[in-house]
């Protein structure tokens, strides 16, 4: 088992080391992801010095551009989401960056490494103990909410910090007071090993276009090692289209015989928005969940149904197998004391799992709304599920159920590039969710769940949903691996994928207010090995037991 000290110090192991030489923004040798040790003065000079500030219960950081850096280069070096480099430019009113001339950026824009550097500089008296992070109040204006937000990624955790420090609600804190942030709520950037960054080099051509370069290793293919890994394309047409584009850009004559060591250029704009953070939310919180099964509430959603069968391979349909897995999961959860709500019912198959390898497609699936609605329109079906899920959630909250003990799992089966196999999890990304959800049209007025029609969200809810759901998805994937079940090799937990060059995420999790919301793609039906697994009822039962284990 890794000690608390080892976990905290692990952030020292990985860092983004980027150097640009003169001759343009990212010319010549260009920035590169590497893994030298962090902490020496010489390293910090190479990394680029920063000066953090505390003012009005907010942290901002002065960052100093290095020689030849433009906004894209600087964002790649310091940001958790480097493709949002335009925000960096907007904050500085588009002025030209100059070496040694500081620019000020918000704490939230920084990647994990720079955030921890800022915290270390602002609060040098802080230390790690066997119980958690011991923070020394160093500035007037620090509040419990600020401390919670900075160290846990969730301001609402201030109540847990108050409890850990035997403080009453509203009780003030004073300078030099020591505040303990327990390990179980400490943000992962302070408590867990950081992921490796992809090995990319950034170069600029003579026209000023920036590319990421990846050096192919032995046995790697263009579509999997480059396109699927770095561009976020996984749909067959999107993968093939991007492969063709890279073949043209890199003047590749035969994509089937690319030599080991060949450097493949990828246009910066074609990189996935999450290429630098491996699909994680910007602040991840490990959730302490109740272990009593009777206090767990699970909303199970079987994808598609009715007139919408989902993926079809031969005469096998996604909706039937998803429903069978949902019913098996329902029985497993209820057998252990959890309370389960279904969004979909099938009048033909009822609540009985089927052990056939070939599940015959029916069209009688209906949503468990009030009144019940037989699924005959895929667009309406998605919107109604959003309303139904949030209606169940609100009712449970009124009953006094803790939000962290409520789960939404939507079960689907992928139809991706046939080289891809295994499970993948979607979780709700903060940036993909708007301020409200409202389905157009008068149709929704006829159902109790959608009469109000408008569901509103705030940033705190969105951040909690992203972090809790990611944490839950991580447990699902861990158990799939443990139980020798296939998972995606590249980023099995994602906030989005690309479809037709645009980011896409499933609406049922994107607009779910349930803190633990995931959509689980169990297998890829386009992959022959996955399809054979799916047809085996023992695998479907194993999937149900694995989901149950992840929750309970």
Protein backbone atom coordinates (compact mmCIF):
# COMPACT_ATOMS: atom_id res chain seq x y z
CA UNK A 1 0.00 0.00 0.00
CA UNK A 2 1.30 3.47 -0.87
CA UNK A 3 1.84 5.68 2.17
CA UNK A 4 0.21 9.07 2.50
CA UNK A 5 3.63 10.70 2.21
CA UNK A 6 4.37 8.81 -0.98
CA UNK A 7 1.01 9.73 -2.46
CA UNK A 8 1.49 13.40 -1.70
CA UNK A 9 5.01 13.49 -3.02
CA UNK A 10 4.06 11.70 -6.23
CA UNK A 11 3.10 15.01 -7.79
CA UNK A 12 6.78 15.84 -7.66
CA UNK A 13 7.58 13.05 -10.12
CA UNK A 14 5.82 14.27 -13.24
CA UNK A 15 5.97 17.65 -14.92
CA UNK A 16 5.49 19.35 -18.20
CA UNK A 17 8.91 20.57 -19.37
CA UNK A 18 8.65 22.90 -22.36
CA UNK A 19 11.33 24.97 -23.99
CA UNK A 20 10.90 27.06 -27.12
CA UNK A 21 13.86 28.66 -28.84
CA UNK A 22 13.81 31.87 -30.78
CA UNK A 23 12.54 32.38 -34.30
CA UNK A 24 8.79 32.33 -33.69
CA UNK A 25 6.22 31.06 -31.25
CA UNK A 26 7.31 27.47 -30.77
CA UNK A 27 9.96 27.29 -33.47
CA UNK A 28 12.97 25.04 -33.66
CA UNK A 29 13.29 22.43 -30.93
CA UNK A 30 9.81 23.28 -29.58
CA UNK A 31 8.06 22.23 -26.36
CA UNK A 32 8.07 18.59 -25.37
CA UNK A 33 6.41 16.55 -22.62
CA UNK A 34 9.07 14.90 -20.47
CA UNK A 35 9.42 13.63 -16.90
CA UNK A 36 12.42 15.17 -15.12
CA UNK A 37 12.29 15.51 -11.34
CA UNK A 38 10.74 18.64 -9.90
CA UNK A 39 11.91 20.80 -7.06
CA UNK A 40 15.38 22.15 -7.79
CA UNK A 41 15.97 25.84 -8.41
CA UNK A 42 17.55 25.03 -11.77
CA UNK A 43 14.48 23.04 -12.77
CA UNK A 44 12.08 25.82 -11.75
CA UNK A 45 14.05 28.29 -13.86
CA UNK A 46 13.70 25.97 -16.85
CA UNK A 47 10.05 25.32 -16.11
CA UNK A 48 9.34 29.04 -15.94
CA UNK A 49 8.97 30.97 -12.71
CA UNK A 50 5.60 31.98 -11.34
CA UNK A 51 4.46 34.41 -8.66
CA UNK A 52 1.12 33.53 -7.04
CA UNK A 53 -1.11 36.12 -5.35
CA UNK A 54 -3.95 35.88 -2.85
CA UNK A 55 -6.57 38.61 -3.00
CA UNK A 56 -10.26 38.64 -2.13
CA UNK A 57 -10.31 34.90 -1.35
CA UNK A 58 -9.02 34.18 -4.87
CA UNK A 59 -5.69 33.00 -6.22
CA UNK A 60 -4.14 34.39 -9.40
CA UNK A 61 -0.69 33.66 -10.73
CA UNK A 62 1.85 35.74 -12.61
CA UNK A 63 3.41 33.59 -15.32
CA UNK A 64 6.47 34.57 -17.33
CA UNK A 65 6.55 33.61 -21.02
CA UNK A 66 9.73 31.96 -22.19
CA UNK A 67 11.72 32.94 -25.25
CA UNK A 68 9.71 32.45 -28.42
CA UNK A 69 6.47 31.44 -26.68
CA UNK A 70 3.13 32.45 -28.11
CA UNK A 71 -0.26 31.94 -26.49
CA UNK A 72 -0.63 28.36 -27.73
CA UNK A 73 2.83 27.40 -26.50
CA UNK A 74 2.27 29.02 -23.12
CA UNK A 75 -1.11 27.30 -22.73
CA UNK A 76 0.45 23.94 -23.57
CA UNK A 77 3.00 24.54 -20.82
CA UNK A 78 0.78 25.83 -18.00
CA UNK A 79 -2.81 24.87 -18.66
CA UNK A 80 -4.90 21.82 -17.87
CA UNK A 81 -6.79 22.44 -21.10
CA UNK A 82 -4.24 23.91 -23.53
CA UNK A 83 -6.72 24.04 -26.38
CA UNK A 84 -8.47 26.86 -24.52
CA UNK A 85 -5.48 29.09 -25.27
CA UNK A 86 -7.75 31.82 -26.66
CA UNK A 87 -8.95 32.53 -23.12
CA UNK A 88 -5.36 33.25 -22.17
CA UNK A 89 -5.12 35.69 -25.08
CA UNK A 90 -8.46 37.33 -24.20
CA UNK A 91 -7.44 37.88 -20.57
CA UNK A 92 -4.40 39.75 -21.83
CA UNK A 93 -6.31 41.69 -24.51
CA UNK A 94 -4.35 40.03 -27.28
CA UNK A 95 -1.07 41.81 -26.54
CA UNK A 96 2.10 40.19 -27.88
CA UNK A 97 3.89 38.05 -25.30
CA UNK A 98 7.40 39.11 -24.41
CA UNK A 99 10.09 37.14 -22.62
CA UNK A 100 10.30 38.10 -18.96
CA UNK A 101 7.13 40.23 -19.07
CA UNK A 102 4.59 38.70 -16.71
CA UNK A 103 0.97 37.94 -17.47
CA UNK A 104 -1.64 37.16 -14.84
CA UNK A 105 -3.86 34.08 -15.07
CA UNK A 106 -6.59 32.62 -12.83
CA UNK A 107 -5.70 29.64 -10.62
CA UNK A 108 -8.36 27.51 -12.35
CA UNK A 109 -6.64 27.82 -15.72
CA UNK A 110 -3.45 26.17 -14.47
CA UNK A 111 -2.66 22.50 -14.79
CA UNK A 112 -2.09 20.37 -11.73
CA UNK A 113 1.64 21.01 -11.66
CA UNK A 114 1.39 24.78 -11.70
CA UNK A 115 -1.45 24.78 -9.16
CA UNK A 116 0.67 22.78 -6.72
CA UNK A 117 3.62 25.12 -7.38
CA UNK A 118 1.36 28.10 -6.59
CA UNK A 119 0.02 26.52 -3.40
CA UNK A 120 3.52 25.60 -2.24
CA UNK A 121 4.73 29.17 -2.74
CA UNK A 122 1.69 30.84 -1.20
CA UNK A 123 1.58 28.57 1.85
CA UNK A 124 5.17 27.46 2.63
CA UNK A 125 4.21 26.55 6.22
CA UNK A 126 1.74 23.89 5.05
CA UNK A 127 2.73 20.29 5.63
CA UNK A 128 1.50 16.76 5.19
CA UNK A 129 0.57 14.68 8.24
CA UNK A 130 -0.71 11.16 8.79
CA UNK A 131 -4.27 12.53 8.83
CA UNK A 132 -4.16 14.85 5.84
CA UNK A 133 -2.92 18.21 4.58
CA UNK A 134 -2.28 20.68 7.42
CA UNK A 135 -2.91 24.19 6.13
CA UNK A 136 -1.64 27.26 7.97
CA UNK A 137 -3.87 30.31 7.47
CA UNK A 138 -1.51 32.91 6.04
CA UNK A 139 -3.69 35.71 4.63
CA UNK A 140 -6.52 37.90 5.82
CA UNK A 141 -9.64 36.99 3.92
CA UNK A 142 -9.11 33.24 3.88
CA UNK A 143 -12.39 31.45 4.52
CA UNK A 144 -13.38 27.86 5.03
CA UNK A 145 -15.01 27.94 1.58
CA UNK A 146 -11.75 29.17 0.02
CA UNK A 147 -9.73 26.48 1.79
CA UNK A 148 -12.19 23.80 0.72
CA UNK A 149 -12.21 24.99 -2.88
CA UNK A 150 -8.40 25.27 -3.10
CA UNK A 151 -7.56 21.95 -1.48
CA UNK A 152 -10.53 19.72 -2.28
CA UNK A 153 -11.77 21.22 -5.55
CA UNK A 154 -15.23 21.64 -4.03
CA UNK A 155 -16.14 24.64 -1.87
CA UNK A 156 -19.09 22.78 -0.39
CA UNK A 157 -16.64 20.53 1.45
CA UNK A 158 -16.13 23.36 3.94
CA UNK A 159 -18.60 21.63 6.27
CA UNK A 160 -16.46 18.48 6.35
CA UNK A 161 -13.36 20.58 7.08
CA UNK A 162 -15.19 22.39 9.88
CA UNK A 163 -16.15 19.03 11.38
CA UNK A 164 -12.58 17.70 11.11
CA UNK A 165 -11.34 20.78 12.98
CA UNK A 166 -14.12 20.84 15.62
CA UNK A 167 -15.34 24.22 14.43
CA UNK A 168 -18.92 25.43 14.45
CA UNK A 169 -20.67 26.64 11.31
CA UNK A 170 -19.80 30.29 10.77
CA UNK A 171 -16.95 30.29 13.27
CA UNK A 172 -14.14 32.56 12.10
CA UNK A 173 -10.57 31.48 11.43
CA UNK A 174 -7.50 33.49 12.38
CA UNK A 175 -4.02 34.06 10.99
CA UNK A 176 -1.54 31.24 11.75
CA UNK A 177 -4.38 28.91 12.67
CA UNK A 178 -3.82 25.34 11.51
CA UNK A 179 -6.63 23.76 9.49
CA UNK A 180 -6.60 20.04 8.68
CA UNK A 181 -7.93 18.90 5.32
CA UNK A 182 -8.54 15.14 5.71
CA UNK A 183 -7.16 12.77 3.08
CA UNK A 184 -10.58 11.45 2.14
CA UNK A 185 -11.65 14.82 0.72
CA UNK A 186 -8.27 16.13 -0.41
CA UNK A 187 -8.10 16.87 -4.14
CA UNK A 188 -6.25 14.22 -6.09
CA UNK A 189 -3.57 16.67 -7.21
CA UNK A 190 -2.38 16.62 -3.58
CA UNK A 191 -3.10 12.98 -2.79
CA UNK A 192 -2.63 10.75 -5.83
CA UNK A 193 -0.11 9.84 -8.49
CA UNK A 194 -0.47 12.10 -11.51
CA UNK A 195 -0.93 10.57 -14.96
CA UNK A 196 1.84 10.64 -17.52
CA UNK A 197 1.44 13.12 -20.31
CA UNK A 198 1.65 11.87 -23.90
CA UNK A 199 5.06 12.15 -25.52
CA UNK A 200 4.47 14.95 -27.97
CA UNK A 201 6.77 17.51 -29.52
CA UNK A 202 5.28 20.73 -30.88
CA UNK A 203 6.62 22.33 -34.05
CA UNK A 204 5.62 25.23 -36.28
CA UNK A 205 5.90 25.13 -40.07
CA UNK A 206 6.98 28.00 -42.31
CA UNK A 207 3.37 29.21 -42.61
CA UNK A 208 3.03 29.47 -38.82
CA UNK A 209 0.83 26.38 -38.35
CA UNK A 210 1.46 24.44 -35.15
CA UNK A 211 1.64 20.65 -35.15
CA UNK A 212 2.10 18.01 -32.47
CA UNK A 213 4.62 15.36 -33.43
CA UNK A 214 4.47 11.78 -32.23
CA UNK A 215 7.23 9.24 -32.87
CA UNK A 216 5.79 5.86 -33.82
CA UNK A 217 7.06 2.92 -31.81
CA UNK A 218 7.45 -0.67 -32.92
CA UNK A 219 4.18 -2.40 -33.75
CA UNK A 220 2.08 0.79 -33.54
CA UNK A 221 -0.51 1.65 -36.18
CA UNK A 222 -1.45 5.12 -37.36
CA UNK A 223 -5.15 4.78 -36.50
CA UNK A 224 -4.69 3.51 -32.94
CA UNK A 225 -1.38 5.02 -31.79
CA UNK A 226 -2.10 8.48 -33.19
CA UNK A 227 -5.69 9.10 -34.30
CA UNK A 228 -7.60 7.32 -31.54
CA UNK A 229 -5.09 8.26 -28.86
CA UNK A 230 -4.56 11.95 -29.57
CA UNK A 231 -7.49 13.23 -31.65
CA UNK A 232 -10.42 11.72 -29.75
CA UNK A 233 -11.91 10.19 -32.91
CA UNK A 234 -13.33 6.71 -32.34
CA UNK A 235 -16.28 6.53 -34.74
CA UNK A 236 -15.26 4.48 -37.84
CA UNK A 237 -15.86 7.26 -40.39
CA UNK A 238 -14.13 9.88 -38.23
CA UNK A 239 -11.11 7.63 -37.63
CA UNK A 240 -10.74 6.82 -41.33
CA UNK A 241 -11.15 10.47 -42.33
CA UNK A 242 -8.46 11.59 -39.87
CA UNK A 243 -6.11 8.80 -40.97
CA UNK A 244 -6.46 10.00 -44.57
CA UNK A 245 -5.74 13.57 -43.49
CA UNK A 246 -2.58 12.56 -41.62
CA UNK A 247 -1.43 10.48 -44.59
CA UNK A 248 -1.63 13.59 -46.77
CA UNK A 249 0.03 15.91 -44.26
CA UNK A 250 2.88 13.51 -43.57
CA UNK A 251 3.37 12.38 -47.19
CA UNK A 252 2.92 8.73 -46.25
CA UNK A 253 2.89 6.45 -49.30
CA UNK A 254 1.76 3.24 -47.55
CA UNK A 255 0.09 3.53 -44.11
CA UNK A 256 0.49 -0.22 -43.58
CA UNK A 257 4.28 -0.07 -43.61
CA UNK A 258 5.29 3.05 -41.68
CA UNK A 259 8.76 2.60 -40.22
CA UNK A 260 9.37 2.61 -36.48
CA UNK A 261 10.63 6.04 -35.41
CA UNK A 262 8.68 7.94 -38.05
CA UNK A 263 7.48 11.29 -36.69
CA UNK A 264 3.80 11.86 -37.38
CA UNK A 265 2.59 15.46 -37.43
CA UNK A 266 -0.92 16.18 -36.07
CA UNK A 267 -2.47 19.64 -36.60
CA UNK A 268 -2.93 21.35 -33.23
CA UNK A 269 -6.59 22.04 -33.95
CA UNK A 270 -7.22 18.32 -34.54
CA UNK A 271 -5.92 17.30 -31.12
CA UNK A 272 -8.64 16.28 -28.70
CA UNK A 273 -9.41 18.97 -26.14
CA UNK A 274 -8.44 16.48 -23.43
CA UNK A 275 -5.19 15.25 -25.03
CA UNK A 276 -3.14 16.75 -22.21
CA UNK A 277 -5.18 15.56 -19.23
CA UNK A 278 -6.14 12.01 -20.23
CA UNK A 279 -9.85 12.78 -20.02
CA UNK A 280 -9.86 13.79 -16.35
CA UNK A 281 -11.86 16.71 -14.96
CA UNK A 282 -9.65 19.60 -13.89
CA UNK A 283 -10.25 18.87 -10.19
CA UNK A 284 -10.77 15.26 -9.12
CA UNK A 285 -12.07 14.42 -5.66
CA UNK A 286 -12.03 10.95 -4.16
CA UNK A 287 -15.49 10.48 -2.70
CA UNK A 288 -16.05 8.80 0.65
CA UNK A 289 -19.15 6.74 -0.01
CA UNK A 290 -21.49 5.09 2.49
CA UNK A 291 -21.04 1.33 2.61
CA UNK A 292 -24.55 0.45 3.80
CA UNK A 293 -26.41 -1.07 0.84
CA UNK A 294 -29.80 -0.04 2.20
CA UNK A 295 -28.80 3.61 1.86
CA UNK A 296 -27.85 3.35 -1.82
CA UNK A 297 -30.24 4.41 -4.60
CA UNK A 298 -29.54 3.55 -8.22
CA UNK A 299 -31.26 4.76 -11.39
CA UNK A 300 -30.68 2.25 -14.20
CA UNK A 301 -31.23 3.30 -17.79
CA UNK A 302 -31.28 0.82 -20.67
CA UNK A 303 -30.22 2.64 -23.83
CA UNK A 304 -32.51 3.04 -26.86
CA UNK A 305 -35.61 0.82 -27.16
CA UNK A 306 -38.97 0.88 -28.94
CA UNK A 307 -38.60 2.19 -32.47
CA UNK A 308 -34.91 2.96 -31.77
CA UNK A 309 -32.90 -0.30 -31.59
CA UNK A 310 -29.52 1.45 -31.37
CA UNK A 311 -26.56 -0.36 -32.92
CA UNK A 312 -27.47 -3.28 -35.20
CA UNK A 313 -24.94 -5.97 -36.13
CA UNK A 314 -26.44 -8.67 -38.30
CA UNK A 315 -29.81 -9.12 -36.64
CA UNK A 316 -28.57 -8.34 -33.12
CA UNK A 317 -29.73 -5.06 -31.60
CA UNK A 318 -28.16 -2.96 -28.89
CA UNK A 319 -31.35 -2.20 -26.99
CA UNK A 320 -32.17 -5.85 -26.20
CA UNK A 321 -28.76 -6.66 -24.75
CA UNK A 322 -28.59 -3.38 -22.84
CA UNK A 323 -31.98 -4.11 -21.30
CA UNK A 324 -30.91 -7.63 -20.33
CA UNK A 325 -27.81 -6.28 -18.56
CA UNK A 326 -29.92 -3.66 -16.77
CA UNK A 327 -32.38 -6.30 -15.49
CA UNK A 328 -29.52 -8.48 -14.27
CA UNK A 329 -27.95 -5.47 -12.52
CA UNK A 330 -31.30 -4.62 -10.92
CA UNK A 331 -31.58 -8.11 -9.41
CA UNK A 332 -27.98 -8.03 -8.15
CA UNK A 333 -28.39 -4.62 -6.52
CA UNK A 334 -31.72 -5.43 -4.91
CA UNK A 335 -30.41 -8.74 -3.62
CA UNK A 336 -27.83 -6.74 -1.68
CA UNK A 337 -30.31 -4.20 -0.35
CA UNK A 338 -29.97 -1.25 -2.72
CA UNK A 339 -33.06 0.51 -4.06
CA UNK A 340 -33.36 0.58 -7.85
CA UNK A 341 -35.35 2.71 -10.30
CA UNK A 342 -35.68 1.80 -13.97
CA UNK A 343 -36.19 4.38 -16.70
CA UNK A 344 -37.28 1.73 -19.23
CA UNK A 345 -39.62 -1.25 -19.05
CA UNK A 346 -40.25 -3.98 -21.65
CA UNK A 347 -43.77 -5.44 -21.65
CA UNK A 348 -42.55 -8.48 -23.62
CA UNK A 349 -39.57 -9.49 -21.50
CA UNK A 350 -40.60 -8.07 -18.15
CA UNK A 351 -38.00 -8.34 -15.39
CA UNK A 352 -36.58 -11.75 -16.29
CA UNK A 353 -33.01 -12.04 -17.64
CA UNK A 354 -32.67 -14.08 -20.83
CA UNK A 355 -29.89 -16.61 -21.30
CA UNK A 356 -30.21 -16.82 -25.08
CA UNK A 357 -27.25 -15.80 -27.22
CA UNK A 358 -29.61 -14.25 -29.77
CA UNK A 359 -32.08 -11.81 -28.17
CA UNK A 360 -35.00 -11.11 -30.48
CA UNK A 361 -35.72 -7.43 -31.00
CA UNK A 362 -39.09 -6.16 -29.78
CA UNK A 363 -40.59 -2.69 -29.99
CA UNK A 364 -42.66 -2.47 -26.83
CA UNK A 365 -40.14 -0.74 -24.56
CA UNK A 366 -41.58 2.27 -22.78
CA UNK A 367 -40.30 4.97 -20.46
CA UNK A 368 -41.51 4.79 -16.87
CA UNK A 369 -42.87 8.30 -16.93
CA UNK A 370 -46.24 9.46 -15.65
CA UNK A 371 -48.08 8.67 -17.89
CA UNK A 372 -46.02 5.85 -19.39
CA UNK A 373 -44.76 6.52 -22.93
CA UNK A 374 -43.96 3.89 -25.57
CA UNK A 375 -40.68 4.89 -27.22
CA UNK A 376 -41.38 5.93 -30.81
CA UNK A 377 -39.05 8.91 -31.28
CA UNK A 378 -35.34 8.79 -30.40
CA UNK A 379 -34.99 12.55 -29.86
CA UNK A 380 -37.99 12.74 -27.54
CA UNK A 381 -36.78 9.60 -25.79
CA UNK A 382 -33.47 11.22 -24.86
CA UNK A 383 -35.12 14.40 -23.58
CA UNK A 384 -37.70 12.48 -21.55
CA UNK A 385 -34.98 10.39 -19.93
CA UNK A 386 -33.25 13.59 -18.81
CA UNK A 387 -36.49 14.78 -17.21
CA UNK A 388 -37.26 11.37 -15.69
CA UNK A 389 -33.81 10.95 -14.13
CA UNK A 390 -33.86 14.41 -12.60
CA UNK A 391 -37.40 13.91 -11.32
CA UNK A 392 -36.36 10.73 -9.49
CA UNK A 393 -33.32 12.52 -8.10
CA UNK A 394 -35.34 15.45 -6.74
CA UNK A 395 -37.81 13.09 -5.06
CA UNK A 396 -34.98 11.23 -3.34
CA UNK A 397 -33.46 14.49 -2.10
CA UNK A 398 -36.82 15.45 -0.58
CA UNK A 399 -36.79 12.11 1.24
CA UNK A 400 -33.48 13.07 2.84
CA UNK A 401 -31.21 10.82 0.77
CA UNK A 402 -27.60 12.02 0.58
CA UNK A 403 -26.69 13.14 -2.96
CA UNK A 404 -23.46 11.13 -2.95
CA UNK A 405 -25.48 7.93 -2.39
CA UNK A 406 -27.54 8.36 -5.57
CA UNK A 407 -26.27 6.87 -8.85
CA UNK A 408 -27.27 6.97 -12.50
CA UNK A 409 -25.93 4.31 -14.86
CA UNK A 410 -27.01 4.29 -18.48
CA UNK A 411 -26.10 1.02 -20.23
CA UNK A 412 -25.16 1.09 -23.92
CA UNK A 413 -23.13 -0.90 -26.45
CA UNK A 414 -20.73 0.86 -28.80
CA UNK A 415 -20.41 0.82 -32.56
CA UNK A 416 -16.87 2.05 -33.14
CA UNK A 417 -13.83 1.36 -35.27
CA UNK A 418 -13.50 -2.47 -35.26
CA UNK A 419 -9.96 -2.28 -33.86
CA UNK A 420 -11.34 -0.88 -30.60
CA UNK A 421 -12.74 -3.19 -27.97
CA UNK A 422 -13.90 -3.15 -24.39
CA UNK A 423 -15.75 -0.93 -21.97
CA UNK A 424 -15.74 2.86 -22.00
CA UNK A 425 -17.31 5.30 -19.54
CA UNK A 426 -18.69 8.78 -20.22
CA UNK A 427 -18.99 11.25 -17.36
CA UNK A 428 -20.50 14.79 -17.34
CA UNK A 429 -17.93 17.42 -18.27
CA UNK A 430 -18.29 20.92 -16.80
CA UNK A 431 -17.61 22.68 -20.09
CA UNK A 432 -20.10 20.53 -22.02
CA UNK A 433 -23.05 21.49 -19.80
CA UNK A 434 -25.01 24.67 -20.34
CA UNK A 435 -26.71 26.70 -17.62
CA UNK A 436 -30.03 24.98 -18.20
CA UNK A 437 -31.78 22.19 -20.06
CA UNK A 438 -35.14 22.81 -21.75
CA UNK A 439 -36.64 20.62 -24.45
CA UNK A 440 -38.62 22.56 -27.09
CA UNK A 441 -42.25 21.84 -27.96
CA UNK A 442 -45.54 21.31 -26.16
CA UNK A 443 -45.21 17.51 -26.06
CA UNK A 444 -43.43 17.57 -22.69
CA UNK A 445 -46.30 19.36 -20.90
CA UNK A 446 -48.26 16.11 -20.85
CA UNK A 447 -45.91 14.35 -18.41
CA UNK A 448 -45.52 14.94 -14.72
CA UNK A 449 -41.72 14.78 -14.92
CA UNK A 450 -41.38 17.44 -17.62
CA UNK A 451 -44.18 19.89 -16.86
CA UNK A 452 -41.75 22.48 -15.50
CA UNK A 453 -39.53 21.81 -18.56
CA UNK A 454 -36.50 23.83 -17.41
CA UNK A 455 -33.70 22.23 -15.40
CA UNK A 456 -31.08 24.66 -14.11
CA UNK A 457 -27.46 24.03 -13.13
CA UNK A 458 -24.80 25.96 -11.26
CA UNK A 459 -21.02 25.70 -11.40
CA UNK A 460 -20.69 24.04 -7.99
CA UNK A 461 -23.13 21.29 -9.01
CA UNK A 462 -21.37 20.81 -12.32
CA UNK A 463 -17.95 20.51 -10.74
CA UNK A 464 -19.24 18.04 -8.17
CA UNK A 465 -20.95 15.94 -10.83
CA UNK A 466 -17.79 15.84 -12.96
CA UNK A 467 -15.55 14.86 -10.06
CA UNK A 468 -17.90 12.34 -8.39
CA UNK A 469 -18.83 10.74 -11.71
CA UNK A 470 -15.22 10.47 -12.81
CA UNK A 471 -14.35 8.85 -9.49
CA UNK A 472 -17.20 6.37 -9.92
CA UNK A 473 -16.23 5.66 -13.53
CA UNK A 474 -12.67 5.02 -12.42
CA UNK A 475 -13.96 2.35 -10.01
CA UNK A 476 -16.02 0.72 -12.77
CA UNK A 477 -12.99 0.51 -15.07
CA UNK A 478 -10.76 -0.74 -12.25
CA UNK A 479 -13.13 -3.61 -11.54
CA UNK A 480 -13.51 -4.47 -15.23
CA UNK A 481 -9.73 -4.86 -15.31
CA UNK A 482 -9.69 -6.81 -12.07
CA UNK A 483 -12.36 -9.20 -13.38
CA UNK A 484 -10.45 -9.73 -16.64
CA UNK A 485 -13.05 -7.92 -18.75
CA UNK A 486 -11.93 -5.88 -21.78
CA UNK A 487 -11.68 -2.09 -21.57
CA UNK A 488 -10.60 0.61 -24.01
CA UNK A 489 -6.81 0.78 -24.11
CA UNK A 490 -6.85 4.53 -24.67
CA UNK A 491 -8.71 6.80 -22.24
CA UNK A 492 -11.46 4.40 -21.10
CA UNK A 493 -13.05 7.26 -19.12
CA UNK A 494 -14.03 10.25 -21.25
CA UNK A 495 -16.00 13.49 -20.97
CA UNK A 496 -16.68 13.46 -24.72
CA UNK A 497 -15.68 12.06 -28.10
CA UNK A 498 -15.62 13.67 -31.52
CA UNK A 499 -18.29 13.16 -34.14
CA UNK A 500 -17.91 14.93 -37.46
CA UNK A 501 -15.12 17.00 -35.89
CA UNK A 502 -17.36 18.29 -33.09
CA UNK A 503 -17.33 17.31 -29.43
CA UNK A 504 -20.20 15.07 -28.42
CA UNK A 505 -21.32 13.65 -25.07
CA UNK A 506 -24.49 11.68 -24.26
CA UNK A 507 -27.26 13.98 -23.07
CA UNK A 508 -28.47 11.70 -20.30
CA UNK A 509 -25.25 12.19 -18.32
CA UNK A 510 -24.47 15.67 -19.63
CA UNK A 511 -27.73 16.97 -18.17
CA UNK A 512 -28.12 14.69 -15.16
CA UNK A 513 -28.09 16.42 -11.77
CA UNK A 514 -27.32 13.08 -10.10
CA UNK A 515 -23.80 13.52 -8.66
CA UNK A 516 -22.70 10.03 -9.72
CA UNK A 517 -23.74 9.83 -13.38
CA UNK A 518 -22.08 7.67 -15.99
CA UNK A 519 -22.93 6.12 -19.33
CA UNK A 520 -21.25 2.73 -19.66
CA UNK A 521 -20.52 1.37 -23.11
CA UNK A 522 -20.06 -2.28 -22.13
CA UNK A 523 -18.46 -3.54 -25.37
CA UNK A 524 -17.95 -2.52 -28.98
CA UNK A 525 -20.40 -4.51 -31.10
CA UNK A 526 -18.29 -3.82 -34.20
CA UNK A 527 -15.46 -5.87 -32.70
CA UNK A 528 -15.92 -9.62 -33.25
CA UNK A 529 -14.40 -10.63 -29.91
CA UNK A 530 -16.60 -8.17 -28.03
CA UNK A 531 -19.70 -9.31 -29.89
CA UNK A 532 -19.05 -12.93 -28.99
CA UNK A 533 -18.69 -11.94 -25.34
CA UNK A 534 -21.96 -10.02 -25.45
CA UNK A 535 -23.85 -13.03 -26.78
CA UNK A 536 -22.70 -15.07 -23.77
CA UNK A 537 -25.23 -14.65 -20.93
CA UNK A 538 -22.47 -15.43 -18.41
CA UNK A 539 -20.61 -12.31 -19.53
CA UNK A 540 -23.76 -10.22 -19.21
CA UNK A 541 -24.22 -11.57 -15.69
CA UNK A 542 -20.57 -10.84 -14.89
CA UNK A 543 -21.10 -7.27 -16.11
CA UNK A 544 -24.08 -6.86 -13.78
CA UNK A 545 -22.09 -8.17 -10.82
CA UNK A 546 -19.15 -5.87 -11.63
CA UNK A 547 -21.40 -2.81 -11.76
CA UNK A 548 -22.95 -3.85 -8.45
CA UNK A 549 -19.52 -4.31 -6.89
CA UNK A 550 -18.48 -0.84 -8.06
CA UNK A 551 -21.48 0.72 -6.33
CA UNK A 552 -21.57 -1.32 -3.14
